């Protein structure tokens, strides 16, 4: 819960109890509970308004799922085209680069020795 351990939670409760007293703590908890309920209701209202707006514009949940499915399929297709069969970003290009490096080393070997 928010990265707070049991000992830390007990310490926080102790500080709250010391600051506000035992008679105010239940009132504070009730007020916080009401605030959380209001926040949840406001969030649900916003979600419903967004859904109503999307449906008014012809977007329902099925079409949105189709759109995201198509986008994910295209991303997967692009990744497979980039990576190739080897799963390496350069694919066969890396092998060709290594061959060229070896050719250059064999050609420049005698030249390096003469210097």
PDB file of N, CA and C in Angstrom:
ATOM      1  N   UNK A   1       0.841  -1.175   0.000  1.00  0.00           N
ATOM      2  CA  UNK A   1       0.000   0.000   0.000  1.00  0.00           C
ATOM      3  C   UNK A   1       0.886   1.238   0.000  1.00  0.00           C
ATOM      4  N   UNK A   2       1.120   1.823  -1.120  1.00  0.00           N
ATOM      5  CA  UNK A   2       1.911   3.031  -1.299  1.00  0.00           C
ATOM      6  C   UNK A   2       3.337   2.874  -0.787  1.00  0.00           C
ATOM      7  N   UNK A   3       3.828   1.676  -0.681  1.00  0.00           N
ATOM      8  CA  UNK A   3       5.186   1.453  -0.218  1.00  0.00           C
ATOM      9  C   UNK A   3       5.367   1.683   1.269  1.00  0.00           C
ATOM     10  N   UNK A   4       4.268   1.636   2.028  1.00  0.00           N
ATOM     11  CA  UNK A   4       4.342   1.862   3.468  1.00  0.00           C
ATOM     12  C   UNK A   4       4.236   0.510   4.155  1.00  0.00           C
ATOM     13  N   UNK A   5       5.183   0.203   5.024  1.00  0.00           N
ATOM     14  CA  UNK A   5       5.180  -1.050   5.758  1.00  0.00           C
ATOM     15  C   UNK A   5       4.309  -0.965   7.000  1.00  0.00           C
ATOM     16  N   UNK A   6       4.195  -2.083   7.692  1.00  0.00           N
ATOM     17  CA  UNK A   6       3.360  -2.151   8.885  1.00  0.00           C
ATOM     18  C   UNK A   6       3.856  -1.254  10.003  1.00  0.00           C
ATOM     19  N   UNK A   7       5.158  -1.269  10.245  1.00  0.00           N
ATOM     20  CA  UNK A   7       5.723  -0.423  11.292  1.00  0.00           C
ATOM     21  C   UNK A   7       5.534   1.056  11.002  1.00  0.00           C
ATOM     22  N   UNK A   8       5.715   1.430   9.758  1.00  0.00           N
ATOM     23  CA  UNK A   8       5.541   2.832   9.371  1.00  0.00           C
ATOM     24  C   UNK A   8       4.093   3.259   9.534  1.00  0.00           C
ATOM     25  N   UNK A   9       3.159   2.364   9.193  1.00  0.00           N
ATOM     26  CA  UNK A   9       1.735   2.666   9.332  1.00  0.00           C
ATOM     27  C   UNK A   9       1.369   2.857  10.803  1.00  0.00           C
ATOM     28  N   UNK A  10       1.888   2.012  11.670  1.00  0.00           N
ATOM     29  CA  UNK A  10       1.632   2.152  13.106  1.00  0.00           C
ATOM     30  C   UNK A  10       2.201   3.476  13.609  1.00  0.00           C
ATOM     31  N   UNK A  11       3.393   3.845  13.161  1.00  0.00           N
ATOM     32  CA  UNK A  11       3.997   5.112  13.567  1.00  0.00           C
ATOM     33  C   UNK A  11       3.139   6.303  13.123  1.00  0.00           C
ATOM     34  N   UNK A  12       2.644   6.258  11.881  1.00  0.00           N
ATOM     35  CA  UNK A  12       1.792   7.341  11.371  1.00  0.00           C
ATOM     36  C   UNK A  12       0.514   7.427  12.191  1.00  0.00           C
ATOM     37  N   UNK A  13      -0.101   6.281  12.492  1.00  0.00           N
ATOM     38  CA  UNK A  13      -1.321   6.283  13.303  1.00  0.00           C
ATOM     39  C   UNK A  13      -1.047   6.843  14.703  1.00  0.00           C
ATOM     40  N   UNK A  14       0.100   6.526  15.270  1.00  0.00           N
ATOM     41  CA  UNK A  14       0.478   7.049  16.579  1.00  0.00           C
ATOM     42  C   UNK A  14       0.608   8.572  16.537  1.00  0.00           C
ATOM     43  N   UNK A  15       1.246   9.093  15.502  1.00  0.00           N
ATOM     44  CA  UNK A  15       1.406  10.547  15.356  1.00  0.00           C
ATOM     45  C   UNK A  15       0.045  11.220  15.198  1.00  0.00           C
ATOM     46  N   UNK A  16      -0.835  10.622  14.382  1.00  0.00           N
ATOM     47  CA  UNK A  16      -2.176  11.187  14.187  1.00  0.00           C
ATOM     48  C   UNK A  16      -2.931  11.194  15.507  1.00  0.00           C
ATOM     49  N   UNK A  17      -2.827  10.103  16.247  1.00  0.00           N
ATOM     50  CA  UNK A  17      -3.492  10.020  17.545  1.00  0.00           C
ATOM     51  C   UNK A  17      -2.966  11.080  18.508  1.00  0.00           C
ATOM     52  N   UNK A  18      -1.677  11.307  18.493  1.00  0.00           N
ATOM     53  CA  UNK A  18      -1.082  12.315  19.383  1.00  0.00           C
ATOM     54  C   UNK A  18      -1.495  13.733  18.967  1.00  0.00           C
ATOM     55  N   UNK A  19      -1.577  14.002  17.667  1.00  0.00           N
ATOM     56  CA  UNK A  19      -1.915  15.347  17.196  1.00  0.00           C
ATOM     57  C   UNK A  19      -3.379  15.694  17.422  1.00  0.00           C
ATOM     58  N   UNK A  20      -4.272  14.771  17.085  1.00  0.00           N
ATOM     59  CA  UNK A  20      -5.694  15.094  17.074  1.00  0.00           C
ATOM     60  C   UNK A  20      -6.462  14.553  18.272  1.00  0.00           C
ATOM     61  N   UNK A  21      -5.928  13.600  18.977  1.00  0.00           N
ATOM     62  CA  UNK A  21      -6.619  13.036  20.132  1.00  0.00           C
ATOM     63  C   UNK A  21      -7.549  11.906  19.714  1.00  0.00           C
ATOM     64  N   UNK A  22      -7.916  11.111  20.700  1.00  0.00           N
ATOM     65  CA  UNK A  22      -8.714   9.916  20.400  1.00  0.00           C
ATOM     66  C   UNK A  22     -10.152  10.238  20.017  1.00  0.00           C
ATOM     67  N   UNK A  23     -10.665  11.403  20.406  1.00  0.00           N
ATOM     68  CA  UNK A  23     -12.042  11.733  20.066  1.00  0.00           C
ATOM     69  C   UNK A  23     -12.191  12.248  18.634  1.00  0.00           C
ATOM     70  N   UNK A  24     -11.144  12.803  18.050  1.00  0.00           N
ATOM     71  CA  UNK A  24     -11.218  13.347  16.688  1.00  0.00           C
ATOM     72  C   UNK A  24     -10.864  12.329  15.607  1.00  0.00           C
ATOM     73  N   UNK A  25     -10.152  11.261  15.927  1.00  0.00           N
ATOM     74  CA  UNK A  25      -9.695  10.297  14.926  1.00  0.00           C
ATOM     75  C   UNK A  25     -10.862   9.635  14.191  1.00  0.00           C
ATOM     76  N   UNK A  26     -11.933   9.162  14.869  1.00  0.00           N
ATOM     77  CA  UNK A  26     -13.058   8.572  14.116  1.00  0.00           C
ATOM     78  C   UNK A  26     -13.739   9.576  13.186  1.00  0.00           C
ATOM     79  N   UNK A  27     -13.831  10.820  13.643  1.00  0.00           N
ATOM     80  CA  UNK A  27     -14.435  11.854  12.800  1.00  0.00           C
ATOM     81  C   UNK A  27     -13.585  12.104  11.550  1.00  0.00           C
ATOM     82  N   UNK A  28     -12.290  12.138  11.719  1.00  0.00           N
ATOM     83  CA  UNK A  28     -11.371  12.330  10.591  1.00  0.00           C
ATOM     84  C   UNK A  28     -11.479  11.149   9.626  1.00  0.00           C
ATOM     85  N   UNK A  29     -11.551   9.928  10.165  1.00  0.00           N
ATOM     86  CA  UNK A  29     -11.670   8.734   9.314  1.00  0.00           C
ATOM     87  C   UNK A  29     -12.979   8.771   8.520  1.00  0.00           C
ATOM     88  N   UNK A  30     -14.083   9.172   9.164  1.00  0.00           N
ATOM     89  CA  UNK A  30     -15.362   9.282   8.457  1.00  0.00           C
ATOM     90  C   UNK A  30     -15.283  10.313   7.338  1.00  0.00           C
ATOM     91  N   UNK A  31     -14.681  11.442   7.628  1.00  0.00           N
ATOM     92  CA  UNK A  31     -14.550  12.504   6.628  1.00  0.00           C
ATOM     93  C   UNK A  31     -13.705  12.038   5.447  1.00  0.00           C
ATOM     94  N   UNK A  32     -12.614  11.328   5.740  1.00  0.00           N
ATOM     95  CA  UNK A  32     -11.773  10.818   4.659  1.00  0.00           C
ATOM     96  C   UNK A  32     -12.515   9.766   3.840  1.00  0.00           C
ATOM     97  N   UNK A  33     -13.300   8.925   4.482  1.00  0.00           N
ATOM     98  CA  UNK A  33     -14.099   7.930   3.768  1.00  0.00           C
ATOM     99  C   UNK A  33     -15.105   8.580   2.838  1.00  0.00           C
ATOM    100  N   UNK A  34     -15.776   9.630   3.323  1.00  0.00           N
ATOM    101  CA  UNK A  34     -16.734  10.354   2.478  1.00  0.00           C
ATOM    102  C   UNK A  34     -16.024  11.011   1.293  1.00  0.00           C
ATOM    103  N   UNK A  35     -14.855  11.565   1.537  1.00  0.00           N
ATOM    104  CA  UNK A  35     -14.098  12.209   0.461  1.00  0.00           C
ATOM    105  C   UNK A  35     -13.685  11.183  -0.597  1.00  0.00           C
ATOM    106  N   UNK A  36     -13.267   9.997  -0.149  1.00  0.00           N
ATOM    107  CA  UNK A  36     -12.885   8.951  -1.101  1.00  0.00           C
ATOM    108  C   UNK A  36     -14.096   8.487  -1.915  1.00  0.00           C
ATOM    109  N   UNK A  37     -15.269   8.395  -1.271  1.00  0.00           N
ATOM    110  CA  UNK A  37     -16.490   7.997  -1.991  1.00  0.00           C
ATOM    111  C   UNK A  37     -16.857   9.051  -3.023  1.00  0.00           C
ATOM    112  N   UNK A  38     -16.747  10.327  -2.664  1.00  0.00           N
ATOM    113  CA  UNK A  38     -17.045  11.394  -3.611  1.00  0.00           C
ATOM    114  C   UNK A  38     -16.081  11.375  -4.786  1.00  0.00           C
ATOM    115  N   UNK A  39     -14.814  11.111  -4.514  1.00  0.00           N
ATOM    116  CA  UNK A  39     -13.817  11.024  -5.576  1.00  0.00           C
ATOM    117  C   UNK A  39     -14.129   9.867  -6.515  1.00  0.00           C
ATOM    118  N   UNK A  40     -14.514   8.724  -5.948  1.00  0.00           N
ATOM    119  CA  UNK A  40     -14.870   7.565  -6.765  1.00  0.00           C
ATOM    120  C   UNK A  40     -16.094   7.866  -7.627  1.00  0.00           C
ATOM    121  N   UNK A  41     -17.108   8.507  -7.050  1.00  0.00           N
ATOM    122  CA  UNK A  41     -18.304   8.860  -7.815  1.00  0.00           C
ATOM    123  C   UNK A  41     -17.980   9.839  -8.941  1.00  0.00           C
ATOM    124  N   UNK A  42     -17.127  10.815  -8.652  1.00  0.00           N
ATOM    125  CA  UNK A  42     -16.744  11.778  -9.684  1.00  0.00           C
ATOM    126  C   UNK A  42     -15.992  11.088 -10.812  1.00  0.00           C
ATOM    127  N   UNK A  43     -15.132  10.154 -10.465  1.00  0.00           N
ATOM    128  CA  UNK A  43     -14.390   9.408 -11.484  1.00  0.00           C
ATOM    129  C   UNK A  43     -15.332   8.583 -12.347  1.00  0.00           C
ATOM    130  N   UNK A  44     -16.306   7.931 -11.712  1.00  0.00           N
ATOM    131  CA  UNK A  44     -17.278   7.143 -12.471  1.00  0.00           C
ATOM    132  C   UNK A  44     -18.124   8.031 -13.375  1.00  0.00           C
ATOM    133  N   UNK A  45     -18.487   9.229 -12.900  1.00  0.00           N
ATOM    134  CA  UNK A  45     -19.249  10.158 -13.728  1.00  0.00           C
ATOM    135  C   UNK A  45     -18.444  10.592 -14.950  1.00  0.00           C
ATOM    136  N   UNK A  46     -17.173  10.865 -14.755  1.00  0.00           N
ATOM    137  CA  UNK A  46     -16.316  11.273 -15.872  1.00  0.00           C
ATOM    138  C   UNK A  46     -16.191  10.140 -16.879  1.00  0.00           C
ATOM    139  N   UNK A  47     -16.012   8.904 -16.397  1.00  0.00           N
ATOM    140  CA  UNK A  47     -15.918   7.755 -17.298  1.00  0.00           C
ATOM    141  C   UNK A  47     -17.189   7.594 -18.111  1.00  0.00           C
ATOM    142  N   UNK A  48     -18.347   7.737 -17.453  1.00  0.00           N
ATOM    143  CA  UNK A  48     -19.607   7.573 -18.180  1.00  0.00           C
ATOM    144  C   UNK A  48     -19.796   8.676 -19.210  1.00  0.00           C
ATOM    145  N   UNK A  49     -19.383   9.898 -18.892  1.00  0.00           N
ATOM    146  CA  UNK A  49     -19.481  10.992 -19.864  1.00  0.00           C
ATOM    147  C   UNK A  49     -18.584  10.738 -21.075  1.00  0.00           C
ATOM    148  N   UNK A  50     -17.399  10.221 -20.831  1.00  0.00           N
ATOM    149  CA  UNK A  50     -16.497   9.916 -21.942  1.00  0.00           C
ATOM    150  C   UNK A  50     -17.083   8.820 -22.810  1.00  0.00           C
ATOM    151  N   UNK A  51     -17.659   7.795 -22.192  1.00  0.00           N
ATOM    152  CA  UNK A  51     -18.271   6.711 -22.963  1.00  0.00           C
ATOM    153  C   UNK A  51     -19.460   7.215 -23.763  1.00  0.00           C
ATOM    154  N   UNK A  52     -20.295   8.080 -23.157  1.00  0.00           N
ATOM    155  CA  UNK A  52     -21.435   8.633 -23.881  1.00  0.00           C
ATOM    156  C   UNK A  52     -20.963   9.467 -25.072  1.00  0.00           C
ATOM    157  N   UNK A  53     -19.924  10.256 -24.874  1.00  0.00           N
ATOM    158  CA  UNK A  53     -19.384  11.062 -25.966  1.00  0.00           C
ATOM    159  C   UNK A  53     -18.823  10.206 -27.084  1.00  0.00           C
ATOM    160  N   UNK A  54     -18.143   9.132 -26.723  1.00  0.00           N
ATOM    161  CA  UNK A  54     -17.588   8.234 -27.733  1.00  0.00           C
ATOM    162  C   UNK A  54     -18.702   7.533 -28.503  1.00  0.00           C
ATOM    163  N   UNK A  55     -19.745   7.108 -27.801  1.00  0.00           N
ATOM    164  CA  UNK A  55     -20.867   6.452 -28.481  1.00  0.00           C
ATOM    165  C   UNK A  55     -21.612   7.428 -29.375  1.00  0.00           C
ATOM    166  N   UNK A  56     -21.713   8.698 -28.969  1.00  0.00           N
ATOM    167  CA  UNK A  56     -22.377   9.706 -29.790  1.00  0.00           C
ATOM    168  C   UNK A  56     -21.605   9.955 -31.078  1.00  0.00           C
ATOM    169  N   UNK A  57     -20.288   9.786 -31.033  1.00  0.00           N
ATOM    170  CA  UNK A  57     -19.459   9.977 -32.223  1.00  0.00           C
ATOM    171  C   UNK A  57     -19.278   8.699 -33.021  1.00  0.00           C
ATOM    172  N   UNK A  58     -19.982   7.635 -32.644  1.00  0.00           N
ATOM    173  CA  UNK A  58     -19.927   6.392 -33.402  1.00  0.00           C
ATOM    174  C   UNK A  58     -18.826   5.443 -32.963  1.00  0.00           C
ATOM    175  N   UNK A  59     -18.224   5.705 -31.839  1.00  0.00           N
ATOM    176  CA  UNK A  59     -17.192   4.818 -31.330  1.00  0.00           C
ATOM    177  C   UNK A  59     -17.743   4.047 -30.145  1.00  0.00           C
ATOM    178  N   UNK A  60     -17.882   2.763 -30.314  1.00  0.00           N
ATOM    179  CA  UNK A  60     -18.286   1.939 -29.179  1.00  0.00           C
ATOM    180  C   UNK A  60     -17.099   1.094 -28.753  1.00  0.00           C
ATOM    181  N   UNK A  61     -17.265   0.331 -27.702  1.00  0.00           N
ATOM    182  CA  UNK A  61     -16.135  -0.426 -27.163  1.00  0.00           C
ATOM    183  C   UNK A  61     -15.634  -1.473 -28.152  1.00  0.00           C
ATOM    184  N   UNK A  62     -16.544  -2.036 -28.962  1.00  0.00           N
ATOM    185  CA  UNK A  62     -16.115  -3.050 -29.936  1.00  0.00           C
ATOM    186  C   UNK A  62     -15.234  -2.433 -31.017  1.00  0.00           C
ATOM    187  N   UNK A  63     -15.637  -1.273 -31.529  1.00  0.00           N
ATOM    188  CA  UNK A  63     -14.825  -0.639 -32.570  1.00  0.00           C
ATOM    189  C   UNK A  63     -13.483  -0.175 -32.009  1.00  0.00           C
ATOM    190  N   UNK A  64     -13.469   0.299 -30.756  1.00  0.00           N
ATOM    191  CA  UNK A  64     -12.201   0.684 -30.145  1.00  0.00           C
ATOM    192  C   UNK A  64     -11.290  -0.522 -29.969  1.00  0.00           C
ATOM    193  N   UNK A  65     -11.869  -1.669 -29.579  1.00  0.00           N
ATOM    194  CA  UNK A  65     -11.070  -2.885 -29.451  1.00  0.00           C
ATOM    195  C   UNK A  65     -10.544  -3.331 -30.814  1.00  0.00           C
ATOM    196  N   UNK A  66     -11.359  -3.189 -31.863  1.00  0.00           N
ATOM    197  CA  UNK A  66     -10.899  -3.530 -33.209  1.00  0.00           C
ATOM    198  C   UNK A  66      -9.746  -2.633 -33.638  1.00  0.00           C
ATOM    199  N   UNK A  67      -9.879  -1.339 -33.348  1.00  0.00           N
ATOM    200  CA  UNK A  67      -8.827  -0.390 -33.726  1.00  0.00           C
ATOM    201  C   UNK A  67      -7.526  -0.718 -33.002  1.00  0.00           C
ATOM    202  N   UNK A  68      -7.612  -0.945 -31.679  1.00  0.00           N
ATOM    203  CA  UNK A  68      -6.388  -1.254 -30.936  1.00  0.00           C
ATOM    204  C   UNK A  68      -5.820  -2.604 -31.357  1.00  0.00           C
ATOM    205  N   UNK A  69      -6.685  -3.554 -31.702  1.00  0.00           N
ATOM    206  CA  UNK A  69      -6.193  -4.849 -32.191  1.00  0.00           C
ATOM    207  C   UNK A  69      -5.448  -4.691 -33.504  1.00  0.00           C
ATOM    208  N   UNK A  70      -5.984  -3.866 -34.404  1.00  0.00           N
ATOM    209  CA  UNK A  70      -5.319  -3.623 -35.690  1.00  0.00           C
ATOM    210  C   UNK A  70      -3.985  -2.902 -35.484  1.00  0.00           C
ATOM    211  N   UNK A  71      -3.955  -1.956 -34.575  1.00  0.00           N
ATOM    212  CA  UNK A  71      -2.713  -1.236 -34.308  1.00  0.00           C
ATOM    213  C   UNK A  71      -1.666  -2.190 -33.741  1.00  0.00           C
ATOM    214  N   UNK A  72      -2.077  -3.033 -32.803  1.00  0.00           N
ATOM    215  CA  UNK A  72      -1.134  -4.000 -32.223  1.00  0.00           C
ATOM    216  C   UNK A  72      -0.637  -4.987 -33.277  1.00  0.00           C
ATOM    217  N   UNK A  73      -1.510  -5.403 -34.186  1.00  0.00           N
ATOM    218  CA  UNK A  73      -1.094  -6.321 -35.252  1.00  0.00           C
ATOM    219  C   UNK A  73      -0.078  -5.655 -36.173  1.00  0.00           C
ATOM    220  N   UNK A  74      -0.282  -4.387 -36.493  1.00  0.00           N
ATOM    221  CA  UNK A  74       0.655  -3.668 -37.350  1.00  0.00           C
ATOM    222  C   UNK A  74       2.000  -3.473 -36.657  1.00  0.00           C
ATOM    223  N   UNK A  75       1.971  -3.204 -35.356  1.00  0.00           N
ATOM    224  CA  UNK A  75       3.218  -3.053 -34.605  1.00  0.00           C
ATOM    225  C   UNK A  75       3.990  -4.361 -34.607  1.00  0.00           C
ATOM    226  N   UNK A  76       3.282  -5.466 -34.378  1.00  0.00           N
ATOM    227  CA  UNK A  76       3.928  -6.782 -34.384  1.00  0.00           C
ATOM    228  C   UNK A  76       4.501  -7.098 -35.759  1.00  0.00           C
ATOM    229  N   UNK A  77       3.763  -6.761 -36.800  1.00  0.00           N
ATOM    230  CA  UNK A  77       4.231  -6.989 -38.168  1.00  0.00           C
ATOM    231  C   UNK A  77       5.483  -6.162 -38.457  1.00  0.00           C
ATOM    232  N   UNK A  78       5.491  -4.910 -38.028  1.00  0.00           N
ATOM    233  CA  UNK A  78       6.658  -4.052 -38.252  1.00  0.00           C
ATOM    234  C   UNK A  78       7.875  -4.575 -37.489  1.00  0.00           C
ATOM    235  N   UNK A  79       7.649  -5.051 -36.253  1.00  0.00           N
ATOM    236  CA  UNK A  79       8.756  -5.615 -35.484  1.00  0.00           C
ATOM    237  C   UNK A  79       9.338  -6.835 -36.161  1.00  0.00           C
ATOM    238  N   UNK A  80       8.466  -7.711 -36.653  1.00  0.00           N
ATOM    239  CA  UNK A  80       8.973  -8.924 -37.295  1.00  0.00           C
ATOM    240  C   UNK A  80       9.707  -8.586 -38.588  1.00  0.00           C
ATOM    241  N   UNK A  81       9.262  -7.562 -39.318  1.00  0.00           N
ATOM    242  CA  UNK A  81       9.968  -7.145 -40.526  1.00  0.00           C
ATOM    243  C   UNK A  81      11.330  -6.548 -40.199  1.00  0.00           C
ATOM    244  N   UNK A  82      11.400  -5.786 -39.110  1.00  0.00           N
ATOM    245  CA  UNK A  82      12.672  -5.181 -38.720  1.00  0.00           C
ATOM    246  C   UNK A  82      13.658  -6.208 -38.192  1.00  0.00           C
ATOM    247  N   UNK A  83      13.166  -7.085 -37.334  1.00  0.00           N
ATOM    248  CA  UNK A  83      14.056  -8.023 -36.682  1.00  0.00           C
ATOM    249  C   UNK A  83      14.431  -9.199 -37.568  1.00  0.00           C
ATOM    250  N   UNK A  84      13.597  -9.535 -38.505  1.00  0.00           N
ATOM    251  CA  UNK A  84      13.882 -10.671 -39.372  1.00  0.00           C
ATOM    252  C   UNK A  84      13.731 -11.980 -38.630  1.00  0.00           C
ATOM    253  N   UNK A  85      14.239 -13.054 -39.212  1.00  0.00           N
ATOM    254  CA  UNK A  85      14.105 -14.374 -38.611  1.00  0.00           C
ATOM    255  C   UNK A  85      15.049 -14.569 -37.443  1.00  0.00           C
ATOM    256  N   UNK A  86      16.169 -13.843 -37.437  1.00  0.00           N
ATOM    257  CA  UNK A  86      17.177 -14.052 -36.402  1.00  0.00           C
ATOM    258  C   UNK A  86      16.816 -13.384 -35.083  1.00  0.00           C
ATOM    259  N   UNK A  87      15.887 -12.427 -35.104  1.00  0.00           N
ATOM    260  CA  UNK A  87      15.567 -11.693 -33.894  1.00  0.00           C
ATOM    261  C   UNK A  87      16.564 -10.593 -33.607  1.00  0.00           C
ATOM    262  N   UNK A  88      17.525 -10.409 -34.514  1.00  0.00           N
ATOM    263  CA  UNK A  88      18.534  -9.375 -34.370  1.00  0.00           C
ATOM    264  C   UNK A  88      18.079  -8.169 -35.178  1.00  0.00           C
ATOM    265  N   UNK A  89      18.249  -6.981 -34.647  1.00  0.00           N
ATOM    266  CA  UNK A  89      17.787  -5.780 -35.319  1.00  0.00           C
ATOM    267  C   UNK A  89      18.429  -5.631 -36.696  1.00  0.00           C
ATOM    268  N   UNK A  90      19.669  -5.984 -36.813  1.00  0.00           N
ATOM    269  CA  UNK A  90      20.349  -5.863 -38.098  1.00  0.00           C
ATOM    270  C   UNK A  90      20.133  -7.078 -38.984  1.00  0.00           C
ATOM    271  N   UNK A  91      19.723  -8.197 -38.401  1.00  0.00           N
ATOM    272  CA  UNK A  91      19.459  -9.395 -39.182  1.00  0.00           C
ATOM    273  C   UNK A  91      20.687  -9.864 -39.930  1.00  0.00           C
ATOM    274  N   UNK A  92      20.560 -10.083 -41.224  1.00  0.00           N
ATOM    275  CA  UNK A  92      21.652 -10.565 -42.062  1.00  0.00           C
ATOM    276  C   UNK A  92      22.716  -9.497 -42.278  1.00  0.00           C
ATOM    277  N   UNK A  93      22.382  -8.260 -42.050  1.00  0.00           N
ATOM    278  CA  UNK A  93      23.334  -7.183 -42.261  1.00  0.00           C
ATOM    279  C   UNK A  93      24.535  -7.330 -41.323  1.00  0.00           C
ATOM    280  N   UNK A  94      24.296  -7.794 -40.109  1.00  0.00           N
ATOM    281  CA  UNK A  94      25.400  -7.979 -39.161  1.00  0.00           C
ATOM    282  C   UNK A  94      26.386  -9.007 -39.688  1.00  0.00           C
ATOM    283  N   UNK A  95      25.896 -10.075 -40.303  1.00  0.00           N
ATOM    284  CA  UNK A  95      26.789 -11.091 -40.870  1.00  0.00           C
ATOM    285  C   UNK A  95      27.611 -10.520 -42.020  1.00  0.00           C
ATOM    286  N   UNK A  96      26.981  -9.727 -42.854  1.00  0.00           N
ATOM    287  CA  UNK A  96      27.691  -9.118 -43.980  1.00  0.00           C
ATOM    288  C   UNK A  96      28.757  -8.142 -43.485  1.00  0.00           C
ATOM    289  N   UNK A  97      28.456  -7.397 -42.433  1.00  0.00           N
ATOM    290  CA  UNK A  97      29.437  -6.460 -41.888  1.00  0.00           C
ATOM    291  C   UNK A  97      30.645  -7.216 -41.353  1.00  0.00           C
ATOM    292  N   UNK A  98      30.423  -8.323 -40.687  1.00  0.00           N
ATOM    293  CA  UNK A  98      31.527  -9.132 -40.168  1.00  0.00           C
ATOM    294  C   UNK A  98      32.397  -9.675 -41.306  1.00  0.00           C
ATOM    295  N   UNK A  99      31.770 -10.093 -42.396  1.00  0.00           N
ATOM    296  CA  UNK A  99      32.527 -10.598 -43.547  1.00  0.00           C
ATOM    297  C   UNK A  99      33.404  -9.500 -44.137  1.00  0.00           C
ATOM    298  N   UNK A 100      32.854  -8.288 -44.251  1.00  0.00           N
ATOM    299  CA  UNK A 100      33.622  -7.170 -44.795  1.00  0.00           C
ATOM    300  C   UNK A 100      34.779  -6.824 -43.864  1.00  0.00           C
ATOM    301  N   UNK A 101      34.555  -6.862 -42.559  1.00  0.00           N
ATOM    302  CA  UNK A 101      35.634  -6.604 -41.602  1.00  0.00           C
ATOM    303  C   UNK A 101      36.761  -7.614 -41.762  1.00  0.00           C
ATOM    304  N   UNK A 102      36.397  -8.878 -41.906  1.00  0.00           N
ATOM    305  CA  UNK A 102      37.411  -9.919 -42.092  1.00  0.00           C
ATOM    306  C   UNK A 102      38.186  -9.707 -43.384  1.00  0.00           C
ATOM    307  N   UNK A 103      37.485  -9.330 -44.461  1.00  0.00           N
ATOM    308  CA  UNK A 103      38.156  -9.066 -45.737  1.00  0.00           C
ATOM    309  C   UNK A 103      39.123  -7.897 -45.606  1.00  0.00           C
ATOM    310  N   UNK A 104      38.717  -6.846 -44.928  1.00  0.00           N
ATOM    311  CA  UNK A 104      39.582  -5.685 -44.743  1.00  0.00           C
ATOM    312  C   UNK A 104      40.798  -6.061 -43.903  1.00  0.00           C
ATOM    313  N   UNK A 105      40.593  -6.872 -42.866  1.00  0.00           N
ATOM    314  CA  UNK A 105      41.717  -7.304 -42.032  1.00  0.00           C
ATOM    315  C   UNK A 105      42.705  -8.150 -42.824  1.00  0.00           C
ATOM    316  N   UNK A 106      42.202  -9.023 -43.681  1.00  0.00           N
ATOM    317  CA  UNK A 106      43.122  -9.852 -44.467  1.00  0.00           C
ATOM    318  C   UNK A 106      43.873  -9.013 -45.489  1.00  0.00           C
ATOM    319  N   UNK A 107      43.212  -8.010 -46.066  1.00  0.00           N
ATOM    320  CA  UNK A 107      43.880  -7.154 -47.041  1.00  0.00           C
ATOM    321  C   UNK A 107      44.868  -6.199 -46.383  1.00  0.00           C
ATOM    322  N   UNK A 108      44.502  -5.690 -45.229  1.00  0.00           N
ATOM    323  CA  UNK A 108      45.377  -4.703 -44.596  1.00  0.00           C
ATOM    324  C   UNK A 108      46.428  -5.357 -43.709  1.00  0.00           C
ATOM    325  N   UNK A 109      46.380  -6.655 -43.525  1.00  0.00           N
ATOM    326  CA  UNK A 109      47.360  -7.340 -42.686  1.00  0.00           C
ATOM    327  C   UNK A 109      48.787  -7.104 -43.133  1.00  0.00           C
ATOM    328  N   UNK A 110      49.115  -7.387 -44.417  1.00  0.00           N
ATOM    329  CA  UNK A 110      50.505  -7.146 -44.858  1.00  0.00           C
ATOM    330  C   UNK A 110      50.889  -5.681 -44.810  1.00  0.00           C
ATOM    331  N   UNK A 111      49.943  -4.779 -45.028  1.00  0.00           N
ATOM    332  CA  UNK A 111      50.256  -3.353 -45.013  1.00  0.00           C
ATOM    333  C   UNK A 111      50.606  -2.924 -43.591  1.00  0.00           C
ATOM    334  N   UNK A 112      49.877  -3.427 -42.612  1.00  0.00           N
ATOM    335  CA  UNK A 112      50.144  -3.064 -41.226  1.00  0.00           C
ATOM    336  C   UNK A 112      51.519  -3.563 -40.791  1.00  0.00           C
ATOM    337  N   UNK A 113      51.916  -4.713 -41.295  1.00  0.00           N
ATOM    338  CA  UNK A 113      53.205  -5.277 -40.898  1.00  0.00           C
ATOM    339  C   UNK A 113      54.375  -4.461 -41.456  1.00  0.00           C
ATOM    340  N   UNK A 114      54.172  -3.839 -42.638  1.00  0.00           N
ATOM    341  CA  UNK A 114      55.267  -3.093 -43.249  1.00  0.00           C
ATOM    342  C   UNK A 114      55.493  -1.773 -42.534  1.00  0.00           C
ATOM    343  N   UNK A 115      54.532  -1.239 -41.861  1.00  0.00           N
ATOM    344  CA  UNK A 115      54.693   0.040 -41.187  1.00  0.00           C
ATOM    345  C   UNK A 115      55.461  -0.161 -39.978  1.00  0.00           C
TER     346      UNK A 115
END
